[in-house]
Amino acid sequence: MSLHGCFLDTSLVTSVFIRMAKSLRSKWKRKMKAEKRKKNAPKELTRLKAALGQGEKGEITMKDVAEIATVVPAEKLMEMQKEDGEIFLINLVADAGKMDLDRKRNKKTMLDDQGQYPVWMSHRQVKKLKAKRTSKKGKPKKGLAW
């Protein structure tokens, strides 16, 4: 093979580009991770089974499911959802004018009943309002020490 008058040995080029050097550290880490996976595999399997609720049984029966949840046919479920949807819309229209307010705020100071400023207010604004509020009270007067 020639490249613009230069001759290259292709066997040398491919061996250089295919295999890259691997440090001992990365090899050791890969090896130790594999050993850790082997060691933790049984524990992980038991945890997964416990999370699924299978435990030692291996399979879940319909009786177990019936105890946990009630089984309803699809047609009945669709009818129930239609009724619930209509009820939800009626409630939604009735509550449209109201807003849920967690705390009552003073409009002038922006403080709530616990003395907290709104979350959306920046620290700079809070500092400014606090300075304005405390400056009206005035400094405590020094008593004369005889």
Protein backbone atom coordinates (compact mmCIF):
# COMPACT_ATOMS: atom_id res chain seq x y z
CA MET A 1 0.00 0.00 0.00
CA SER A 2 1.33 3.41 -0.84
CA LEU A 3 0.37 6.85 0.32
CA HIS A 4 1.67 9.57 -1.95
CA GLY A 5 4.92 7.81 -2.57
CA CYS A 6 5.31 6.43 0.99
CA PHE A 7 5.19 2.72 1.64
CA LEU A 8 3.47 1.47 4.78
CA ASP A 9 3.27 -1.98 6.24
CA THR A 10 -0.49 -2.52 6.88
CA SER A 11 0.09 -5.16 9.56
CA LEU A 12 1.85 -2.59 11.74
CA VAL A 13 -0.80 0.08 11.24
CA THR A 14 -3.78 -2.15 12.10
CA SER A 15 -2.12 -3.53 15.23
CA VAL A 16 -1.50 -0.02 16.52
CA PHE A 17 -5.05 1.21 15.96
CA ILE A 18 -6.98 -1.86 17.09
CA ARG A 19 -5.37 -2.45 20.46
CA MET A 20 -5.04 0.42 22.84
CA ALA A 21 -3.02 0.28 26.01
CA LYS A 22 -4.92 -0.55 29.19
CA SER A 23 -3.54 0.57 32.49
CA LEU A 24 -3.12 -1.87 35.34
CA ARG A 25 -5.39 0.28 37.44
CA SER A 26 -8.34 -0.01 35.03
CA LYS A 27 -7.81 -3.77 34.68
CA TRP A 28 -7.76 -4.17 38.47
CA LYS A 29 -10.91 -2.06 38.90
CA ARG A 30 -12.76 -4.06 36.24
CA LYS A 31 -11.71 -7.31 37.91
CA MET A 32 -12.79 -6.18 41.38
CA LYS A 33 -16.16 -4.92 40.10
CA ALA A 34 -16.80 -8.33 38.51
CA GLU A 35 -15.98 -10.07 41.80
CA LYS A 36 -18.25 -7.71 43.70
CA ARG A 37 -21.08 -8.43 41.24
CA LYS A 38 -20.66 -12.17 41.82
CA LYS A 39 -20.67 -11.68 45.58
CA ASN A 40 -23.74 -9.41 45.66
CA ALA A 41 -25.83 -11.28 43.06
CA PRO A 42 -27.68 -13.56 45.54
CA LYS A 43 -28.45 -10.65 47.89
CA GLU A 44 -29.72 -8.57 44.98
CA LEU A 45 -31.96 -11.41 43.81
CA THR A 46 -33.54 -11.80 47.26
CA ARG A 47 -34.09 -8.04 47.47
CA LEU A 48 -35.81 -8.02 44.07
CA LYS A 49 -38.06 -10.91 45.06
CA ALA A 50 -38.95 -9.18 48.32
CA ALA A 51 -39.73 -5.97 46.44
CA LEU A 52 -42.03 -7.86 44.10
CA GLY A 53 -43.65 -9.55 47.06
CA GLN A 54 -42.86 -13.02 45.84
CA GLY A 55 -40.69 -14.03 48.77
CA GLU A 56 -40.05 -17.76 48.84
CA LYS A 57 -43.13 -18.75 46.80
CA GLY A 58 -41.68 -18.05 43.39
CA GLU A 59 -45.02 -17.10 41.80
CA ILE A 60 -48.02 -14.96 42.66
CA THR A 61 -51.42 -16.63 42.56
CA MET A 62 -54.72 -14.94 41.73
CA LYS A 63 -55.92 -15.52 45.31
CA ASP A 64 -53.07 -13.35 46.58
CA VAL A 65 -53.97 -10.65 44.08
CA ALA A 66 -57.67 -10.84 45.04
CA GLU A 67 -56.74 -10.19 48.69
CA ILE A 68 -54.76 -7.10 47.74
CA ALA A 69 -57.02 -5.60 45.06
CA THR A 70 -60.51 -6.17 43.73
CA VAL A 71 -60.73 -7.39 40.15
CA VAL A 72 -63.24 -5.39 38.06
CA PRO A 73 -64.27 -6.10 34.44
CA ALA A 74 -63.22 -3.55 31.84
CA GLU A 75 -66.80 -2.49 30.89
CA LYS A 76 -67.68 -1.72 34.49
CA LEU A 77 -64.48 0.23 34.91
CA MET A 78 -65.24 2.38 31.84
CA GLU A 79 -68.74 3.18 33.16
CA MET A 80 -67.34 4.13 36.56
CA GLN A 81 -64.76 6.40 34.94
CA LYS A 82 -67.46 8.18 32.90
CA GLU A 83 -69.52 8.80 36.04
CA ASP A 84 -66.45 9.95 37.97
CA GLY A 85 -65.49 12.25 35.10
CA GLU A 86 -68.90 13.93 35.14
CA ILE A 87 -68.77 14.37 38.92
CA PHE A 88 -65.23 15.72 38.67
CA LEU A 89 -66.29 18.29 36.06
CA ILE A 90 -69.19 19.45 38.23
CA ASN A 91 -66.85 19.88 41.22
CA LEU A 92 -64.28 21.61 39.04
CA VAL A 93 -66.80 24.18 37.82
CA ALA A 94 -68.05 24.79 41.37
CA ASP A 95 -64.53 25.40 42.71
CA ALA A 96 -63.35 27.48 39.75
CA GLY A 97 -63.64 30.80 41.61
CA LYS A 98 -61.70 29.66 44.69
CA MET A 99 -57.96 29.32 45.18
CA ASP A 100 -56.29 27.26 47.86
CA LEU A 101 -54.21 29.58 50.00
CA ASP A 102 -51.92 27.97 52.52
CA ARG A 103 -51.28 31.04 54.63
CA LYS A 104 -52.68 34.53 54.91
CA ARG A 105 -50.25 37.31 54.04
CA ASN A 106 -50.07 40.93 55.04
CA LYS A 107 -50.26 42.82 51.75
CA LYS A 108 -48.08 45.66 52.98
CA THR A 109 -45.21 43.70 54.56
CA MET A 110 -45.62 40.51 52.48
CA LEU A 111 -45.14 38.45 55.66
CA ASP A 112 -47.34 35.45 56.38
CA ASP A 113 -48.76 34.51 59.77
CA GLN A 114 -45.48 32.79 60.71
CA GLY A 115 -43.32 35.78 59.77
CA GLN A 116 -42.00 34.23 56.55
CA TYR A 117 -41.63 35.94 53.18
CA PRO A 118 -42.90 34.24 49.99
CA VAL A 119 -40.63 31.63 48.42
CA TRP A 120 -40.49 33.48 45.11
CA MET A 121 -39.17 36.68 46.72
CA SER A 122 -35.43 37.27 46.29
CA HIS A 123 -33.12 37.74 49.28
CA ARG A 124 -32.36 41.26 48.16
CA GLN A 125 -36.05 42.17 48.22
CA VAL A 126 -36.47 40.53 51.62
CA LYS A 127 -33.53 42.50 53.00
CA LYS A 128 -34.95 45.74 51.59
CA LEU A 129 -38.43 45.18 53.07
CA LYS A 130 -36.99 44.12 56.42
CA ALA A 131 -34.82 47.25 56.58
CA LYS A 132 -37.84 49.38 55.73
CA ARG A 133 -39.93 47.67 58.41
CA THR A 134 -37.32 47.87 61.18
CA SER A 135 -36.28 51.47 60.42
CA LYS A 136 -39.79 52.67 61.28
CA LYS A 137 -39.44 51.30 64.79
CA GLY A 138 -36.27 53.28 65.32
CA LYS A 139 -33.16 52.43 67.23
CA PRO A 140 -33.51 51.47 70.86
CA LYS A 141 -32.70 54.51 72.96
CA LYS A 142 -29.69 54.37 75.19
CA GLY A 143 -30.36 54.79 78.83
CA LEU A 144 -28.14 57.15 80.74
CA ALA A 145 -25.70 55.32 82.94
CA TRP A 146 -25.01 57.34 86.12
